[in-house]
Amino acid sequence: MSDIEISQVLAQMRALAARAQAGVEGAATPGQAERGEGPGFADLLKKSLDAVNETQKEAGALARAFEKGDPNVDLPQVMVALQKASVSFQAMTQVRNKLVDAYQEIMRMQG
């Protein structure tokens, strides 16, 4: 059961990475999303942040339900949800770190 869910999370992460890569490659000019030419980098980043937030909310809700003794929620289900939330948060943290590094590099180039 958990192997299938982990595979699903990995597949979702790969799909998200592919969409982000396509968005970065497709975002040749600033304001592309505003002109209706497809999603921009900021849109993809916001959607990614929203997805991470939703994953964490779902994991928290499952954990609270388990703590209250909900018979429909079992421990493996809670643990997998918490792992999904942790992995998605770590991935988003790595993306943030890369963005900060890129920003700092650009600022050094301008000076």
N, C-alpha and C. Protein backbone atom coordinates (compact mmCIF):
# COMPACT_ATOMS: atom_id res chain seq x y z
N MET A 1 0.82 -1.19 0.00
CA MET A 1 0.00 0.00 0.00
C MET A 1 0.86 1.25 0.00
N SER A 2 1.84 1.36 0.89
CA SER A 2 2.65 2.56 0.96
C SER A 2 3.56 2.70 -0.25
N ASP A 3 4.01 1.58 -0.84
CA ASP A 3 4.84 1.65 -2.04
C ASP A 3 4.09 2.31 -3.19
N ILE A 4 2.80 1.99 -3.29
CA ILE A 4 1.99 2.58 -4.36
C ILE A 4 1.85 4.08 -4.13
N GLU A 5 1.58 4.49 -2.89
CA GLU A 5 1.41 5.91 -2.60
C GLU A 5 2.71 6.67 -2.78
N ILE A 6 3.83 6.08 -2.39
CA ILE A 6 5.12 6.73 -2.60
C ILE A 6 5.40 6.87 -4.09
N SER A 7 5.06 5.86 -4.86
CA SER A 7 5.23 5.94 -6.31
C SER A 7 4.37 7.04 -6.90
N GLN A 8 3.17 7.20 -6.35
CA GLN A 8 2.29 8.27 -6.82
C GLN A 8 2.88 9.64 -6.50
N VAL A 9 3.45 9.78 -5.32
CA VAL A 9 4.07 11.06 -4.95
C VAL A 9 5.25 11.36 -5.87
N LEU A 10 6.07 10.35 -6.12
CA LEU A 10 7.21 10.55 -7.02
C LEU A 10 6.73 10.92 -8.43
N ALA A 11 5.68 10.27 -8.88
CA ALA A 11 5.14 10.59 -10.21
C ALA A 11 4.63 12.02 -10.24
N GLN A 12 3.96 12.45 -9.17
CA GLN A 12 3.46 13.83 -9.10
C GLN A 12 4.61 14.82 -9.10
N MET A 13 5.68 14.50 -8.36
CA MET A 13 6.83 15.39 -8.32
C MET A 13 7.50 15.48 -9.68
N ARG A 14 7.60 14.35 -10.37
CA ARG A 14 8.20 14.37 -11.71
C ARG A 14 7.35 15.19 -12.67
N ALA A 15 6.03 15.04 -12.57
CA ALA A 15 5.13 15.81 -13.43
C ALA A 15 5.25 17.30 -13.14
N LEU A 16 5.33 17.64 -11.87
CA LEU A 16 5.48 19.04 -11.48
C LEU A 16 6.81 19.60 -11.98
N ALA A 17 7.87 18.81 -11.86
CA ALA A 17 9.17 19.26 -12.36
C ALA A 17 9.14 19.45 -13.87
N ALA A 18 8.47 18.55 -14.58
CA ALA A 18 8.36 18.68 -16.03
C ALA A 18 7.57 19.93 -16.41
N ARG A 19 6.47 20.19 -15.68
CA ARG A 19 5.69 21.39 -15.96
C ARG A 19 6.49 22.65 -15.66
N ALA A 20 7.25 22.62 -14.56
CA ALA A 20 8.07 23.78 -14.22
C ALA A 20 9.14 23.99 -15.27
N GLN A 21 9.77 22.91 -15.72
CA GLN A 21 10.79 23.02 -16.76
C GLN A 21 10.20 23.58 -18.04
N ALA A 22 9.03 23.09 -18.41
CA ALA A 22 8.37 23.60 -19.62
C ALA A 22 8.00 25.06 -19.46
N GLY A 23 7.58 25.44 -18.25
CA GLY A 23 7.23 26.84 -17.98
C GLY A 23 8.44 27.74 -18.05
N VAL A 24 9.58 27.28 -17.55
CA VAL A 24 10.80 28.09 -17.58
C VAL A 24 11.30 28.22 -19.00
N GLU A 25 11.29 27.11 -19.74
CA GLU A 25 11.74 27.16 -21.13
C GLU A 25 10.79 28.01 -21.97
N GLY A 26 9.49 27.93 -21.66
CA GLY A 26 8.50 28.67 -22.44
C GLY A 26 8.39 30.13 -22.06
N ALA A 27 8.95 30.51 -20.93
CA ALA A 27 8.83 31.89 -20.44
C ALA A 27 9.97 32.73 -20.99
N ALA A 28 9.90 33.03 -22.28
CA ALA A 28 10.98 33.74 -22.93
C ALA A 28 10.98 35.23 -22.59
N THR A 29 9.79 35.78 -22.34
CA THR A 29 9.71 37.20 -22.05
C THR A 29 8.90 37.43 -20.79
N PRO A 30 9.20 38.51 -20.05
CA PRO A 30 8.41 38.83 -18.87
C PRO A 30 6.98 39.17 -19.26
N GLY A 31 6.04 38.84 -18.37
CA GLY A 31 4.65 39.18 -18.63
C GLY A 31 3.94 38.24 -19.57
N GLN A 32 4.53 37.12 -19.87
CA GLN A 32 3.93 36.18 -20.81
C GLN A 32 2.57 35.72 -20.31
N ALA A 33 2.45 35.41 -19.02
CA ALA A 33 1.19 34.94 -18.47
C ALA A 33 0.13 36.03 -18.55
N GLU A 34 0.52 37.29 -18.35
CA GLU A 34 -0.44 38.38 -18.41
C GLU A 34 -0.99 38.55 -19.83
N ARG A 35 -0.22 38.18 -20.82
CA ARG A 35 -0.67 38.31 -22.21
C ARG A 35 -1.44 37.08 -22.67
N GLY A 36 -1.64 36.11 -21.79
CA GLY A 36 -2.43 34.93 -22.15
C GLY A 36 -1.66 33.92 -22.97
N GLU A 37 -0.33 33.91 -22.87
CA GLU A 37 0.48 33.00 -23.66
C GLU A 37 0.85 31.73 -22.89
N GLY A 38 0.24 31.51 -21.75
CA GLY A 38 0.55 30.32 -20.96
C GLY A 38 1.01 30.72 -19.58
N PRO A 39 1.15 29.72 -18.72
CA PRO A 39 1.54 30.03 -17.33
C PRO A 39 2.98 30.51 -17.25
N GLY A 40 3.19 31.51 -16.42
CA GLY A 40 4.53 32.02 -16.18
C GLY A 40 5.17 31.31 -15.01
N PHE A 41 6.41 31.64 -14.77
CA PHE A 41 7.16 31.02 -13.68
C PHE A 41 6.50 31.30 -12.33
N ALA A 42 6.05 32.54 -12.12
CA ALA A 42 5.42 32.91 -10.86
C ALA A 42 4.15 32.10 -10.63
N ASP A 43 3.39 31.88 -11.69
CA ASP A 43 2.17 31.07 -11.57
C ASP A 43 2.50 29.64 -11.17
N LEU A 44 3.49 29.06 -11.81
CA LEU A 44 3.89 27.69 -11.48
C LEU A 44 4.43 27.59 -10.05
N LEU A 45 5.17 28.60 -9.64
CA LEU A 45 5.69 28.60 -8.28
C LEU A 45 4.56 28.69 -7.27
N LYS A 46 3.58 29.55 -7.54
CA LYS A 46 2.44 29.69 -6.63
C LYS A 46 1.65 28.38 -6.57
N LYS A 47 1.43 27.75 -7.70
CA LYS A 47 0.71 26.48 -7.71
C LYS A 47 1.47 25.42 -6.93
N SER A 48 2.78 25.43 -7.05
CA SER A 48 3.61 24.48 -6.31
C SER A 48 3.51 24.72 -4.81
N LEU A 49 3.58 25.99 -4.41
CA LEU A 49 3.44 26.33 -3.00
C LEU A 49 2.06 25.94 -2.47
N ASP A 50 1.05 26.18 -3.27
CA ASP A 50 -0.31 25.80 -2.87
C ASP A 50 -0.43 24.28 -2.71
N ALA A 51 0.20 23.53 -3.62
CA ALA A 51 0.15 22.07 -3.54
C ALA A 51 0.87 21.57 -2.28
N VAL A 52 2.00 22.16 -1.95
CA VAL A 52 2.73 21.78 -0.74
C VAL A 52 1.88 22.11 0.48
N ASN A 53 1.29 23.28 0.49
CA ASN A 53 0.42 23.69 1.60
C ASN A 53 -0.75 22.72 1.76
N GLU A 54 -1.38 22.35 0.67
CA GLU A 54 -2.51 21.43 0.72
C GLU A 54 -2.09 20.06 1.23
N THR A 55 -0.94 19.59 0.80
CA THR A 55 -0.42 18.31 1.27
C THR A 55 -0.19 18.35 2.78
N GLN A 56 0.35 19.45 3.27
CA GLN A 56 0.59 19.57 4.71
C GLN A 56 -0.72 19.67 5.49
N LYS A 57 -1.70 20.37 4.94
CA LYS A 57 -3.00 20.46 5.61
C LYS A 57 -3.66 19.08 5.69
N GLU A 58 -3.61 18.32 4.60
CA GLU A 58 -4.21 16.99 4.58
C GLU A 58 -3.52 16.07 5.60
N ALA A 59 -2.19 16.14 5.66
CA ALA A 59 -1.45 15.31 6.62
C ALA A 59 -1.81 15.70 8.04
N GLY A 60 -1.92 16.98 8.32
CA GLY A 60 -2.31 17.44 9.65
C GLY A 60 -3.71 17.00 10.02
N ALA A 61 -4.63 17.07 9.06
CA ALA A 61 -6.00 16.64 9.32
C ALA A 61 -6.06 15.14 9.62
N LEU A 62 -5.30 14.35 8.86
CA LEU A 62 -5.26 12.91 9.11
C LEU A 62 -4.67 12.61 10.48
N ALA A 63 -3.61 13.31 10.83
CA ALA A 63 -2.97 13.09 12.14
C ALA A 63 -3.94 13.44 13.27
N ARG A 64 -4.66 14.55 13.12
CA ARG A 64 -5.63 14.93 14.15
C ARG A 64 -6.76 13.91 14.24
N ALA A 65 -7.23 13.42 13.10
CA ALA A 65 -8.29 12.41 13.09
C ALA A 65 -7.81 11.13 13.78
N PHE A 66 -6.58 10.74 13.51
CA PHE A 66 -6.03 9.54 14.15
C PHE A 66 -5.92 9.74 15.66
N GLU A 67 -5.46 10.92 16.07
CA GLU A 67 -5.33 11.22 17.50
C GLU A 67 -6.68 11.17 18.21
N LYS A 68 -7.73 11.55 17.50
CA LYS A 68 -9.08 11.55 18.09
C LYS A 68 -9.70 10.15 18.07
N GLY A 69 -9.01 9.20 17.45
CA GLY A 69 -9.52 7.84 17.43
C GLY A 69 -10.47 7.52 16.29
N ASP A 70 -10.40 8.25 15.21
CA ASP A 70 -11.25 7.99 14.05
C ASP A 70 -10.97 6.58 13.52
N PRO A 71 -11.99 5.71 13.46
CA PRO A 71 -11.76 4.33 13.01
C PRO A 71 -11.44 4.22 11.51
N ASN A 72 -11.69 5.27 10.74
CA ASN A 72 -11.43 5.25 9.31
C ASN A 72 -9.99 5.65 8.96
N VAL A 73 -9.20 6.04 9.97
CA VAL A 73 -7.83 6.47 9.75
C VAL A 73 -6.90 5.54 10.51
N ASP A 74 -5.98 4.91 9.77
CA ASP A 74 -5.02 4.03 10.44
C ASP A 74 -3.63 4.64 10.43
N LEU A 75 -2.77 4.12 11.28
CA LEU A 75 -1.43 4.68 11.46
C LEU A 75 -0.60 4.70 10.17
N PRO A 76 -0.57 3.62 9.38
CA PRO A 76 0.22 3.69 8.13
C PRO A 76 -0.24 4.81 7.20
N GLN A 77 -1.54 5.02 7.14
CA GLN A 77 -2.09 6.08 6.30
C GLN A 77 -1.57 7.44 6.78
N VAL A 78 -1.56 7.66 8.08
CA VAL A 78 -1.08 8.91 8.66
C VAL A 78 0.41 9.08 8.39
N MET A 79 1.17 8.02 8.60
CA MET A 79 2.62 8.10 8.39
C MET A 79 2.97 8.41 6.95
N VAL A 80 2.27 7.80 6.00
CA VAL A 80 2.53 8.07 4.59
C VAL A 80 2.17 9.52 4.26
N ALA A 81 1.06 10.00 4.78
CA ALA A 81 0.66 11.39 4.53
C ALA A 81 1.69 12.36 5.10
N LEU A 82 2.19 12.07 6.30
CA LEU A 82 3.20 12.94 6.90
C LEU A 82 4.51 12.90 6.10
N GLN A 83 4.87 11.73 5.58
CA GLN A 83 6.07 11.62 4.75
C GLN A 83 5.91 12.40 3.44
N LYS A 84 4.72 12.31 2.84
CA LYS A 84 4.45 13.07 1.61
C LYS A 84 4.63 14.56 1.89
N ALA A 85 4.07 15.02 3.00
CA ALA A 85 4.17 16.44 3.35
C ALA A 85 5.62 16.83 3.58
N SER A 86 6.36 15.97 4.25
CA SER A 86 7.76 16.26 4.54
C SER A 86 8.59 16.33 3.25
N VAL A 87 8.39 15.37 2.37
CA VAL A 87 9.15 15.33 1.11
C VAL A 87 8.81 16.54 0.24
N SER A 88 7.53 16.88 0.16
CA SER A 88 7.15 18.02 -0.67
C SER A 88 7.70 19.32 -0.10
N PHE A 89 7.72 19.44 1.24
CA PHE A 89 8.27 20.64 1.85
C PHE A 89 9.79 20.72 1.62
N GLN A 90 10.48 19.60 1.75
CA GLN A 90 11.92 19.59 1.50
C GLN A 90 12.23 19.95 0.05
N ALA A 91 11.44 19.43 -0.87
CA ALA A 91 11.65 19.76 -2.28
C ALA A 91 11.44 21.26 -2.52
N MET A 92 10.38 21.80 -1.91
CA MET A 92 10.11 23.23 -2.08
C MET A 92 11.23 24.07 -1.45
N THR A 93 11.78 23.61 -0.34
CA THR A 93 12.89 24.31 0.29
C THR A 93 14.11 24.33 -0.63
N GLN A 94 14.37 23.22 -1.30
CA GLN A 94 15.49 23.17 -2.23
C GLN A 94 15.27 24.12 -3.41
N VAL A 95 14.05 24.19 -3.90
CA VAL A 95 13.75 25.13 -4.99
C VAL A 95 13.97 26.56 -4.51
N ARG A 96 13.50 26.86 -3.30
CA ARG A 96 13.71 28.21 -2.75
C ARG A 96 15.19 28.53 -2.64
N ASN A 97 15.98 27.57 -2.15
CA ASN A 97 17.41 27.80 -2.02
C ASN A 97 18.06 28.08 -3.36
N LYS A 98 17.65 27.35 -4.39
CA LYS A 98 18.20 27.57 -5.74
C LYS A 98 17.79 28.95 -6.26
N LEU A 99 16.56 29.36 -5.99
CA LEU A 99 16.12 30.68 -6.42
C LEU A 99 16.90 31.78 -5.73
N VAL A 100 17.15 31.62 -4.44
CA VAL A 100 17.94 32.61 -3.71
C VAL A 100 19.36 32.66 -4.26
N ASP A 101 19.95 31.50 -4.52
CA ASP A 101 21.29 31.46 -5.11
C ASP A 101 21.33 32.17 -6.47
N ALA A 102 20.31 31.90 -7.29
CA ALA A 102 20.26 32.54 -8.61
C ALA A 102 20.11 34.06 -8.47
N TYR A 103 19.27 34.49 -7.54
CA TYR A 103 19.08 35.93 -7.31
C TYR A 103 20.39 36.58 -6.86
N GLN A 104 21.07 35.93 -5.94
CA GLN A 104 22.34 36.48 -5.45
C GLN A 104 23.37 36.55 -6.57
N GLU A 105 23.39 35.56 -7.41
CA GLU A 105 24.32 35.55 -8.54
C GLU A 105 24.00 36.71 -9.51
N ILE A 106 22.73 36.93 -9.76
CA ILE A 106 22.33 38.03 -10.65
C ILE A 106 22.72 39.37 -10.04
N MET A 107 22.51 39.49 -8.73
CA MET A 107 22.87 40.76 -8.07
C MET A 107 24.39 40.99 -8.11
N ARG A 108 25.17 39.92 -8.01
CA ARG A 108 26.63 40.06 -8.11
C ARG A 108 27.03 40.47 -9.53
N MET A 109 26.32 39.97 -10.51
CA MET A 109 26.64 40.29 -11.90
C MET A 109 26.34 41.76 -12.20
N GLN A 110 25.34 42.32 -11.58
CA GLN A 110 24.95 43.71 -11.82
C GLN A 110 25.93 44.69 -11.19
N GLY A 111 26.61 44.26 -10.13
CA GLY A 111 27.50 45.17 -9.38
C GLY A 111 28.84 45.31 -9.96
